[in-house]
Amino acid sequence: MNKIGANSYVIILSFERIIFFIVKIFNLCVTIVVMLDSQQREGESMKDTDFF
């Protein structure tokens, strides 16, 4: 019984880690899309500005 509990605990931990990883990647993608979008908009209005 203890072994089964430990296994399910490990599965839950790895599941949480995977979800956290997916959320992190999703946030990164959203950030990149927003940055590119704002860069394009600012590029249309003023082209000589640098972000980096």
Protein backbone atom coordinates (compact mmCIF):
# COMPACT_ATOMS: atom_id res chain seq x y z
CA MET A 1 0.00 0.00 0.00
CA ASN A 2 2.81 2.39 0.89
CA LYS A 3 4.50 1.66 -2.44
CA ILE A 4 1.34 2.50 -4.40
CA GLY A 5 0.95 5.76 -2.50
CA ALA A 6 4.54 6.73 -3.21
CA ASN A 7 4.14 5.91 -6.91
CA SER A 8 0.98 7.99 -7.26
CA TYR A 9 2.73 10.83 -5.39
CA VAL A 10 5.61 10.73 -7.89
CA ILE A 11 3.13 10.66 -10.80
CA ILE A 12 1.28 13.67 -9.36
CA LEU A 13 4.58 15.53 -8.89
CA SER A 14 5.73 14.88 -12.46
CA PHE A 15 2.26 15.79 -13.73
CA GLU A 16 2.42 19.13 -11.89
CA ARG A 17 5.90 19.71 -13.31
CA ILE A 18 4.67 18.98 -16.86
CA ILE A 19 1.71 21.35 -16.43
CA PHE A 20 4.03 24.03 -15.04
CA PHE A 21 6.36 23.51 -18.02
CA ILE A 22 3.46 23.78 -20.50
CA VAL A 23 2.19 26.95 -18.83
CA LYS A 24 5.70 28.41 -18.89
CA ILE A 25 6.11 27.67 -22.61
CA PHE A 26 2.62 29.08 -23.29
CA ASN A 27 3.45 32.29 -21.42
CA LEU A 28 6.73 32.56 -23.33
CA CYS A 29 4.91 32.15 -26.67
CA VAL A 30 2.33 34.78 -25.68
CA THR A 31 5.09 37.17 -24.62
CA ILE A 32 6.97 36.67 -27.91
CA VAL A 33 3.79 37.17 -29.97
CA VAL A 34 2.91 40.34 -28.05
CA MET A 35 6.46 41.67 -28.42
CA LEU A 36 6.52 40.95 -32.16
CA ASP A 37 3.08 42.50 -32.56
CA SER A 38 4.05 45.69 -30.72
CA GLN A 39 7.35 45.80 -32.65
CA GLN A 40 5.47 45.63 -35.93
CA ARG A 41 3.09 48.38 -34.84
CA GLU A 42 5.90 50.62 -33.65
CA GLY A 43 7.87 49.75 -36.78
CA GLU A 44 5.02 51.18 -38.82
CA SER A 45 4.94 54.42 -36.84
CA MET A 46 8.66 54.94 -36.20
CA LYS A 47 11.23 52.69 -37.77
CA ASP A 48 14.47 53.90 -36.14
CA THR A 49 13.74 52.73 -32.57
CA ASP A 50 15.52 49.71 -31.05
CA PHE A 51 14.11 47.44 -28.36
CA PHE A 52 17.37 45.74 -27.39
